[in-house]
Structure formats: structure tokens, C-alpha cells
């Protein structure tokens, strides 16, 4: 029972994040930035997912958190411009699922989904 990391092909980024948003909307998400110049930064901890997206035209990955109810009325948006690769983990049920987005400068953004959607 180990996690497997796999690189997501660029051609699948847009559709993959649309599907993931539908499946995980409202799940708790943590966003961390690992930067050589500024060090490791926790940007958001366990806020509800609004969306994950990749804009091919602008070459930008974005994660939006909050904005769905009065508890979190504003969307926090974190953007990674010109991502060069995205790694994903597939893990055992009940454990966090994560994305590792690396930009052209080597800065990594870690997006962790803490809750799995309910089986319908």
C-alpha cells in the first residue's frame, strides 16, 4: 500500500482538472509553495475547493478555494504561470491525494485534497 507518483501529460491537463473539480468540489484543500528564494510557504490550509483549472491560452494553472458560502465568501486564487510539469499521486482510499505543480523556475506548488467525494 504505497503512493504512486505519475507525471500528467500536458495534453490532458485541461480535461483532467475539469473532471477533478467536478469530483472534489467542496473538499478540503491545502496549498503549499516550495520556493528556493523564499523558502516553504503555507498559502492555505483546509479551505473548500472551488475549482482547479489549466488555461492553455495563458499557460497557467489555477486553484480556487472558498467562495461557496458565508463561511468562506471570497475565493482565494493561487496561480502557477508557465507550469512545466505536473505530478499526481494515486493513493489508498482515505488518505490525502496530491498534485505537485512545478513552474519553469523550479518552484513547486503542492495542492493536497484531504477528503474524497462520497460514493453516489
C-alpha atoms as a PDB file:
ATOM      1  CA  UNK A   1       0.000   0.000   0.000  1.00  0.00           C
ATOM      2  CA  UNK A   2       2.178   2.786  -1.325  1.00  0.00           C
ATOM      3  CA  UNK A   3       1.574   6.011  -3.177  1.00  0.00           C
ATOM      4  CA  UNK A   4       2.500   6.180  -6.842  1.00  0.00           C
ATOM      5  CA  UNK A   5       3.587   9.454  -8.439  1.00  0.00           C
ATOM      6  CA  UNK A   6       2.896   9.885 -12.114  1.00  0.00           C
ATOM      7  CA  UNK A   7       3.531  12.772 -14.480  1.00  0.00           C
ATOM      8  CA  UNK A   8       0.323  14.011 -16.072  1.00  0.00           C
ATOM      9  CA  UNK A   9       0.712  14.575 -19.849  1.00  0.00           C
ATOM     10  CA  UNK A  10       0.245  18.239 -20.820  1.00  0.00           C
ATOM     11  CA  UNK A  11      -2.428  17.336 -23.381  1.00  0.00           C
ATOM     12  CA  UNK A  12      -4.627  16.058 -20.513  1.00  0.00           C
ATOM     13  CA  UNK A  13      -4.228  18.988 -18.085  1.00  0.00           C
ATOM     14  CA  UNK A  14      -7.352  20.932 -19.036  1.00  0.00           C
ATOM     15  CA  UNK A  15      -9.766  17.992 -19.090  1.00  0.00           C
ATOM     16  CA  UNK A  16      -8.188  16.354 -16.019  1.00  0.00           C
ATOM     17  CA  UNK A  17      -8.723  19.462 -13.865  1.00  0.00           C
ATOM     18  CA  UNK A  18     -12.303  19.887 -15.102  1.00  0.00           C
ATOM     19  CA  UNK A  19     -13.030  16.293 -14.035  1.00  0.00           C
ATOM     20  CA  UNK A  20     -11.211  16.684 -10.715  1.00  0.00           C
ATOM     21  CA  UNK A  21     -13.160  19.876  -9.931  1.00  0.00           C
ATOM     22  CA  UNK A  22     -16.460  18.076 -10.510  1.00  0.00           C
ATOM     23  CA  UNK A  23     -15.406  15.127  -8.331  1.00  0.00           C
ATOM     24  CA  UNK A  24     -13.814  17.103  -5.469  1.00  0.00           C
ATOM     25  CA  UNK A  25     -15.720  20.412  -5.348  1.00  0.00           C
ATOM     26  CA  UNK A  26     -16.059  21.432  -1.688  1.00  0.00           C
ATOM     27  CA  UNK A  27     -13.332  19.053  -0.439  1.00  0.00           C
ATOM     28  CA  UNK A  28     -10.780  20.481   1.995  1.00  0.00           C
ATOM     29  CA  UNK A  29      -7.608  21.598   0.209  1.00  0.00           C
ATOM     30  CA  UNK A  30      -4.173  22.730   1.373  1.00  0.00           C
ATOM     31  CA  UNK A  31      -1.850  24.773  -0.860  1.00  0.00           C
ATOM     32  CA  UNK A  32       1.887  24.972  -0.132  1.00  0.00           C
ATOM     33  CA  UNK A  33       4.593  26.716  -2.160  1.00  0.00           C
ATOM     34  CA  UNK A  34       8.183  25.430  -2.118  1.00  0.00           C
ATOM     35  CA  UNK A  35      10.431  28.209  -3.418  1.00  0.00           C
ATOM     36  CA  UNK A  36      14.231  28.277  -3.413  1.00  0.00           C
ATOM     37  CA  UNK A  37      14.392  32.051  -2.933  1.00  0.00           C
ATOM     38  CA  UNK A  38      11.626  32.474  -0.330  1.00  0.00           C
ATOM     39  CA  UNK A  39      11.504  29.066   1.319  1.00  0.00           C
ATOM     40  CA  UNK A  40       8.459  26.942   2.023  1.00  0.00           C
ATOM     41  CA  UNK A  41       5.187  28.838   2.444  1.00  0.00           C
ATOM     42  CA  UNK A  42       1.762  27.585   3.543  1.00  0.00           C
ATOM     43  CA  UNK A  43      -0.737  29.554   1.465  1.00  0.00           C
ATOM     44  CA  UNK A  44      -3.989  27.902   2.556  1.00  0.00           C
ATOM     45  CA  UNK A  45      -4.910  25.104   4.957  1.00  0.00           C
ATOM     46  CA  UNK A  46      -8.050  23.011   4.557  1.00  0.00           C
ATOM     47  CA  UNK A  47     -10.225  25.501   2.672  1.00  0.00           C
ATOM     48  CA  UNK A  48     -13.037  24.190   0.445  1.00  0.00           C
ATOM     49  CA  UNK A  49     -12.195  23.630  -3.216  1.00  0.00           C
ATOM     50  CA  UNK A  50     -13.949  25.924  -5.686  1.00  0.00           C
ATOM     51  CA  UNK A  51     -12.029  24.859  -8.809  1.00  0.00           C
ATOM     52  CA  UNK A  52      -8.844  23.525 -10.359  1.00  0.00           C
ATOM     53  CA  UNK A  53      -8.078  24.629 -13.919  1.00  0.00           C
ATOM     54  CA  UNK A  54      -5.446  24.876 -16.595  1.00  0.00           C
ATOM     55  CA  UNK A  55      -5.786  27.694 -19.135  1.00  0.00           C
ATOM     56  CA  UNK A  56      -3.978  26.628 -22.300  1.00  0.00           C
ATOM     57  CA  UNK A  57      -4.076  30.101 -23.863  1.00  0.00           C
ATOM     58  CA  UNK A  58      -2.369  31.800 -20.891  1.00  0.00           C
ATOM     59  CA  UNK A  59      -0.352  28.675 -19.947  1.00  0.00           C
ATOM     60  CA  UNK A  60      -1.495  28.980 -16.340  1.00  0.00           C
ATOM     61  CA  UNK A  61      -2.649  26.501 -13.679  1.00  0.00           C
ATOM     62  CA  UNK A  62      -5.051  27.906 -11.059  1.00  0.00           C
ATOM     63  CA  UNK A  63      -6.637  26.614  -7.884  1.00  0.00           C
ATOM     64  CA  UNK A  64      -9.571  28.489  -6.349  1.00  0.00           C
ATOM     65  CA  UNK A  65     -10.600  27.963  -2.736  1.00  0.00           C
ATOM     66  CA  UNK A  66     -13.684  29.175  -0.863  1.00  0.00           C
ATOM     67  CA  UNK A  67     -16.322  31.444  -2.381  1.00  0.00           C
ATOM     68  CA  UNK A  68     -19.172  28.967  -1.972  1.00  0.00           C
ATOM     69  CA  UNK A  69     -20.879  30.044   1.265  1.00  0.00           C
ATOM     70  CA  UNK A  70     -20.944  32.670   4.015  1.00  0.00           C
ATOM     71  CA  UNK A  71     -18.192  30.880   5.972  1.00  0.00           C
ATOM     72  CA  UNK A  72     -15.744  31.366   3.060  1.00  0.00           C
ATOM     73  CA  UNK A  73     -17.352  34.095   0.915  1.00  0.00           C
ATOM     74  CA  UNK A  74     -14.215  35.093  -1.035  1.00  0.00           C
ATOM     75  CA  UNK A  75     -12.311  32.930  -3.494  1.00  0.00           C
ATOM     76  CA  UNK A  76      -8.598  32.656  -2.796  1.00  0.00           C
ATOM     77  CA  UNK A  77      -6.915  32.051  -6.146  1.00  0.00           C
ATOM     78  CA  UNK A  78      -3.403  30.682  -6.468  1.00  0.00           C
ATOM     79  CA  UNK A  79      -1.862  30.691  -9.956  1.00  0.00           C
ATOM     80  CA  UNK A  80       1.192  28.966 -11.380  1.00  0.00           C
ATOM     81  CA  UNK A  81       2.263  30.585 -14.631  1.00  0.00           C
ATOM     82  CA  UNK A  82       4.026  28.529 -17.255  1.00  0.00           C
ATOM     83  CA  UNK A  83       3.964  25.176 -15.421  1.00  0.00           C
ATOM     84  CA  UNK A  84       6.478  22.775 -16.909  1.00  0.00           C
ATOM     85  CA  UNK A  85       5.239  19.569 -15.308  1.00  0.00           C
ATOM     86  CA  UNK A  86       2.514  18.259 -13.050  1.00  0.00           C
ATOM     87  CA  UNK A  87       2.857  15.153 -10.939  1.00  0.00           C
ATOM     88  CA  UNK A  88      -0.112  13.430  -9.367  1.00  0.00           C
ATOM     89  CA  UNK A  89      -0.454  10.788  -6.707  1.00  0.00           C
ATOM     90  CA  UNK A  90      -2.925   7.997  -6.626  1.00  0.00           C
ATOM     91  CA  UNK A  91      -3.224   6.776  -3.089  1.00  0.00           C
ATOM     92  CA  UNK A  92      -5.087   4.286  -0.990  1.00  0.00           C
ATOM     93  CA  UNK A  93      -8.668   5.183  -0.003  1.00  0.00           C
ATOM     94  CA  UNK A  94      -8.987   7.506   2.966  1.00  0.00           C
ATOM     95  CA  UNK A  95      -5.581   9.147   2.518  1.00  0.00           C
ATOM     96  CA  UNK A  96      -4.814  12.576   1.002  1.00  0.00           C
ATOM     97  CA  UNK A  97      -4.479  12.863  -2.761  1.00  0.00           C
ATOM     98  CA  UNK A  98      -1.976  15.421  -4.098  1.00  0.00           C
ATOM     99  CA  UNK A  99      -0.751  17.443  -7.076  1.00  0.00           C
ATOM    100  CA  UNK A 100       2.812  18.728  -7.450  1.00  0.00           C
ATOM    101  CA  UNK A 101       2.950  21.576  -9.980  1.00  0.00           C
ATOM    102  CA  UNK A 102       6.432  22.762 -10.978  1.00  0.00           C
ATOM    103  CA  UNK A 103       6.939  26.048 -12.838  1.00  0.00           C
ATOM    104  CA  UNK A 104       9.748  26.979 -15.225  1.00  0.00           C
ATOM    105  CA  UNK A 105      11.883  28.363 -12.343  1.00  0.00           C
ATOM    106  CA  UNK A 106      11.644  25.135 -10.334  1.00  0.00           C
ATOM    107  CA  UNK A 107       9.177  26.492  -7.766  1.00  0.00           C
ATOM    108  CA  UNK A 108       6.754  23.780  -6.673  1.00  0.00           C
ATOM    109  CA  UNK A 109       3.140  24.233  -5.645  1.00  0.00           C
ATOM    110  CA  UNK A 110       1.688  21.332  -3.674  1.00  0.00           C
ATOM    111  CA  UNK A 111      -2.104  21.007  -3.709  1.00  0.00           C
ATOM    112  CA  UNK A 112      -3.458  18.382  -1.302  1.00  0.00           C
ATOM    113  CA  UNK A 113      -7.070  17.198  -1.419  1.00  0.00           C
ATOM    114  CA  UNK A 114      -7.965  15.986   2.070  1.00  0.00           C
ATOM    115  CA  UNK A 115     -11.400  14.460   1.547  1.00  0.00           C
ATOM    116  CA  UNK A 116     -12.634  12.019  -1.020  1.00  0.00           C
ATOM    117  CA  UNK A 117     -16.052  12.608  -2.587  1.00  0.00           C
ATOM    118  CA  UNK A 118     -18.934  10.499  -1.347  1.00  0.00           C
ATOM    119  CA  UNK A 119     -19.782   7.444  -3.408  1.00  0.00           C
ATOM    120  CA  UNK A 120     -23.090   8.015  -5.160  1.00  0.00           C
END
